[in-house]
Amino acid sequence: MAVKIRLRRVGKKKQPYYRIIVTDSRFPRDGRFIEIVGFYNPLEKQVKLFKEKISDWVKKGAKPSETVKNILKKEKII
């Protein structure tokens, strides 16, 4: 099972809001997930991350997507 940390889109049309989730890479973008590890609102530039959960999953071998990796670098987690 390849575990990824990626974005899951929620919110209305033309008002995107994302949850940062841990999921199996075979599941669809907005499908089943294992755990929510943060939130991202690109319109208001708001980011809320659960740093302990993210570091635990990275230690377990979860790979962040490119977008999530950039968010984590900005927040100085990676």
N, C-alpha and C. Protein backbone atom coordinates (compact mmCIF):
# COMPACT_ATOMS: atom_id res chain seq x y z
N MET A 1 0.85 -1.18 0.00
CA MET A 1 0.00 0.00 0.00
C MET A 1 0.89 1.24 0.00
N ALA A 2 0.78 2.06 -1.04
CA ALA A 2 1.53 3.30 -1.14
C ALA A 2 0.71 4.43 -0.52
N VAL A 3 1.22 4.99 0.56
CA VAL A 3 0.48 6.03 1.28
C VAL A 3 0.98 7.40 0.83
N LYS A 4 0.05 8.29 0.53
CA LYS A 4 0.35 9.65 0.08
C LYS A 4 -0.28 10.66 1.00
N ILE A 5 0.36 11.83 1.07
CA ILE A 5 -0.23 12.99 1.73
C ILE A 5 -0.59 13.95 0.61
N ARG A 6 -1.87 14.22 0.42
CA ARG A 6 -2.29 15.05 -0.70
C ARG A 6 -3.52 15.88 -0.34
N LEU A 7 -3.94 16.71 -1.30
CA LEU A 7 -5.08 17.60 -1.10
C LEU A 7 -6.38 16.92 -1.51
N ARG A 8 -7.43 17.22 -0.76
CA ARG A 8 -8.78 16.77 -1.09
C ARG A 8 -9.64 18.01 -1.20
N ARG A 9 -10.23 18.23 -2.36
CA ARG A 9 -11.00 19.45 -2.57
C ARG A 9 -12.38 19.34 -1.94
N VAL A 10 -12.74 20.40 -1.21
CA VAL A 10 -14.09 20.58 -0.68
C VAL A 10 -14.46 22.03 -0.95
N GLY A 11 -15.67 22.42 -0.65
CA GLY A 11 -16.07 23.80 -0.90
C GLY A 11 -16.95 23.91 -2.12
N LYS A 12 -17.32 25.15 -2.44
CA LYS A 12 -18.25 25.40 -3.53
C LYS A 12 -17.52 25.64 -4.84
N LYS A 13 -18.30 25.74 -5.89
CA LYS A 13 -17.75 26.05 -7.21
C LYS A 13 -17.10 27.43 -7.18
N LYS A 14 -15.90 27.52 -7.71
CA LYS A 14 -15.09 28.75 -7.77
C LYS A 14 -14.67 29.26 -6.39
N GLN A 15 -14.87 28.47 -5.34
CA GLN A 15 -14.41 28.80 -4.00
C GLN A 15 -13.74 27.56 -3.40
N PRO A 16 -12.57 27.22 -3.92
CA PRO A 16 -11.95 25.98 -3.46
C PRO A 16 -11.46 26.08 -2.01
N TYR A 17 -11.52 24.96 -1.35
CA TYR A 17 -11.03 24.80 0.01
C TYR A 17 -10.53 23.37 0.07
N TYR A 18 -9.37 23.16 0.63
CA TYR A 18 -8.77 21.83 0.60
C TYR A 18 -8.50 21.30 1.99
N ARG A 19 -8.63 20.01 2.14
CA ARG A 19 -8.17 19.31 3.33
C ARG A 19 -6.90 18.58 2.93
N ILE A 20 -5.91 18.61 3.80
CA ILE A 20 -4.70 17.85 3.56
C ILE A 20 -4.91 16.50 4.24
N ILE A 21 -4.86 15.44 3.45
CA ILE A 21 -5.22 14.12 3.97
C ILE A 21 -4.12 13.11 3.72
N VAL A 22 -4.19 12.02 4.46
CA VAL A 22 -3.34 10.86 4.23
C VAL A 22 -4.24 9.80 3.62
N THR A 23 -3.83 9.26 2.47
CA THR A 23 -4.66 8.30 1.76
C THR A 23 -3.81 7.30 1.01
N ASP A 24 -4.43 6.21 0.63
CA ASP A 24 -3.80 5.25 -0.27
C ASP A 24 -3.77 5.88 -1.66
N SER A 25 -2.68 5.73 -2.38
CA SER A 25 -2.55 6.39 -3.68
C SER A 25 -3.53 5.83 -4.71
N ARG A 26 -4.11 4.69 -4.48
CA ARG A 26 -5.04 4.10 -5.44
C ARG A 26 -6.44 4.69 -5.32
N PHE A 27 -6.75 5.37 -4.23
CA PHE A 27 -8.07 5.95 -4.05
C PHE A 27 -8.20 7.25 -4.85
N PRO A 28 -9.42 7.62 -5.27
CA PRO A 28 -9.60 8.87 -6.01
C PRO A 28 -9.34 10.10 -5.13
N ARG A 29 -9.15 11.24 -5.78
CA ARG A 29 -8.80 12.48 -5.09
C ARG A 29 -9.76 12.82 -3.97
N ASP A 30 -11.05 12.72 -4.23
CA ASP A 30 -12.05 13.08 -3.22
C ASP A 30 -12.69 11.84 -2.59
N GLY A 31 -12.02 10.72 -2.69
CA GLY A 31 -12.57 9.47 -2.18
C GLY A 31 -12.16 9.21 -0.74
N ARG A 32 -12.06 7.93 -0.43
CA ARG A 32 -11.77 7.48 0.93
C ARG A 32 -10.38 7.94 1.37
N PHE A 33 -10.23 8.22 2.65
CA PHE A 33 -8.94 8.64 3.19
C PHE A 33 -8.72 8.01 4.55
N ILE A 34 -7.47 8.09 5.03
CA ILE A 34 -7.12 7.50 6.31
C ILE A 34 -7.26 8.52 7.44
N GLU A 35 -6.69 9.73 7.23
CA GLU A 35 -6.70 10.73 8.30
C GLU A 35 -6.55 12.13 7.71
N ILE A 36 -7.18 13.11 8.37
CA ILE A 36 -7.02 14.52 8.00
C ILE A 36 -5.87 15.08 8.81
N VAL A 37 -4.89 15.69 8.12
CA VAL A 37 -3.72 16.23 8.82
C VAL A 37 -3.58 17.74 8.64
N GLY A 38 -4.55 18.40 7.99
CA GLY A 38 -4.47 19.84 7.85
C GLY A 38 -5.55 20.38 6.92
N PHE A 39 -5.55 21.73 6.81
CA PHE A 39 -6.50 22.44 5.97
C PHE A 39 -5.76 23.52 5.20
N TYR A 40 -6.25 23.83 3.99
CA TYR A 40 -5.61 24.85 3.15
C TYR A 40 -6.69 25.62 2.40
N ASN A 41 -6.68 26.96 2.55
CA ASN A 41 -7.61 27.83 1.84
C ASN A 41 -6.78 28.74 0.94
N PRO A 42 -6.71 28.47 -0.36
CA PRO A 42 -5.86 29.27 -1.25
C PRO A 42 -6.37 30.69 -1.49
N LEU A 43 -7.66 30.93 -1.35
CA LEU A 43 -8.19 32.27 -1.59
C LEU A 43 -7.80 33.24 -0.48
N GLU A 44 -7.77 32.76 0.74
CA GLU A 44 -7.42 33.61 1.88
C GLU A 44 -6.00 33.34 2.38
N LYS A 45 -5.29 32.46 1.70
CA LYS A 45 -3.90 32.10 2.05
C LYS A 45 -3.79 31.60 3.49
N GLN A 46 -4.75 30.80 3.92
CA GLN A 46 -4.74 30.25 5.27
C GLN A 46 -4.32 28.79 5.23
N VAL A 47 -3.45 28.42 6.15
CA VAL A 47 -2.99 27.04 6.27
C VAL A 47 -3.04 26.65 7.74
N LYS A 48 -3.65 25.50 8.02
CA LYS A 48 -3.64 24.96 9.37
C LYS A 48 -3.16 23.52 9.26
N LEU A 49 -2.05 23.22 9.93
CA LEU A 49 -1.46 21.88 9.86
C LEU A 49 -1.34 21.28 11.24
N PHE A 50 -1.53 19.98 11.31
CA PHE A 50 -1.28 19.23 12.54
C PHE A 50 0.11 18.62 12.41
N LYS A 51 1.11 19.34 12.90
CA LYS A 51 2.51 19.00 12.65
C LYS A 51 2.90 17.64 13.19
N GLU A 52 2.37 17.26 14.35
CA GLU A 52 2.72 15.96 14.93
C GLU A 52 2.22 14.82 14.05
N LYS A 53 0.99 14.95 13.56
CA LYS A 53 0.43 13.91 12.71
C LYS A 53 1.20 13.79 11.40
N ILE A 54 1.56 14.95 10.82
CA ILE A 54 2.29 14.93 9.56
C ILE A 54 3.65 14.28 9.74
N SER A 55 4.37 14.66 10.78
CA SER A 55 5.70 14.08 11.00
C SER A 55 5.61 12.58 11.28
N ASP A 56 4.57 12.14 11.99
CA ASP A 56 4.38 10.71 12.23
C ASP A 56 4.17 9.95 10.92
N TRP A 57 3.33 10.48 10.03
CA TRP A 57 3.07 9.81 8.77
C TRP A 57 4.29 9.81 7.86
N VAL A 58 5.06 10.90 7.87
CA VAL A 58 6.27 10.93 7.05
C VAL A 58 7.28 9.90 7.56
N LYS A 59 7.37 9.75 8.87
CA LYS A 59 8.25 8.72 9.45
C LYS A 59 7.80 7.32 9.07
N LYS A 60 6.49 7.13 8.92
CA LYS A 60 5.96 5.83 8.53
C LYS A 60 6.13 5.55 7.04
N GLY A 61 6.53 6.57 6.27
CA GLY A 61 6.80 6.35 4.85
C GLY A 61 5.84 7.02 3.90
N ALA A 62 4.94 7.86 4.37
CA ALA A 62 4.00 8.56 3.49
C ALA A 62 4.74 9.61 2.68
N LYS A 63 4.44 9.67 1.38
CA LYS A 63 5.08 10.62 0.48
C LYS A 63 4.13 11.77 0.20
N PRO A 64 4.54 13.02 0.45
CA PRO A 64 3.67 14.16 0.12
C PRO A 64 3.67 14.43 -1.38
N SER A 65 2.55 14.92 -1.90
CA SER A 65 2.48 15.34 -3.30
C SER A 65 3.30 16.61 -3.46
N GLU A 66 3.52 17.03 -4.69
CA GLU A 66 4.34 18.23 -4.94
C GLU A 66 3.73 19.47 -4.29
N THR A 67 2.42 19.64 -4.41
CA THR A 67 1.76 20.81 -3.84
C THR A 67 1.85 20.80 -2.32
N VAL A 68 1.61 19.64 -1.72
CA VAL A 68 1.69 19.53 -0.26
C VAL A 68 3.13 19.73 0.19
N LYS A 69 4.08 19.24 -0.57
CA LYS A 69 5.50 19.42 -0.23
C LYS A 69 5.84 20.91 -0.20
N ASN A 70 5.33 21.68 -1.17
CA ASN A 70 5.57 23.12 -1.19
C ASN A 70 4.93 23.82 0.01
N ILE A 71 3.72 23.39 0.38
CA ILE A 71 3.06 23.97 1.56
C ILE A 71 3.87 23.66 2.82
N LEU A 72 4.35 22.44 2.95
CA LEU A 72 5.13 22.04 4.12
C LEU A 72 6.46 22.79 4.19
N LYS A 73 7.06 23.07 3.04
CA LYS A 73 8.31 23.85 3.03
C LYS A 73 8.05 25.29 3.48
N LYS A 74 6.94 25.89 3.02
CA LYS A 74 6.61 27.25 3.44
C LYS A 74 6.37 27.33 4.95
N GLU A 75 5.75 26.30 5.49
CA GLU A 75 5.47 26.26 6.93
C GLU A 75 6.64 25.71 7.74
N LYS A 76 7.73 25.40 7.07
CA LYS A 76 8.98 24.93 7.70
C LYS A 76 8.80 23.64 8.49
N ILE A 77 8.03 22.73 7.92
CA ILE A 77 7.90 21.40 8.52
C ILE A 77 8.90 20.45 7.87
N ILE A 78 9.14 20.64 6.58
CA ILE A 78 10.15 19.83 5.87
C ILE A 78 11.38 20.70 5.65
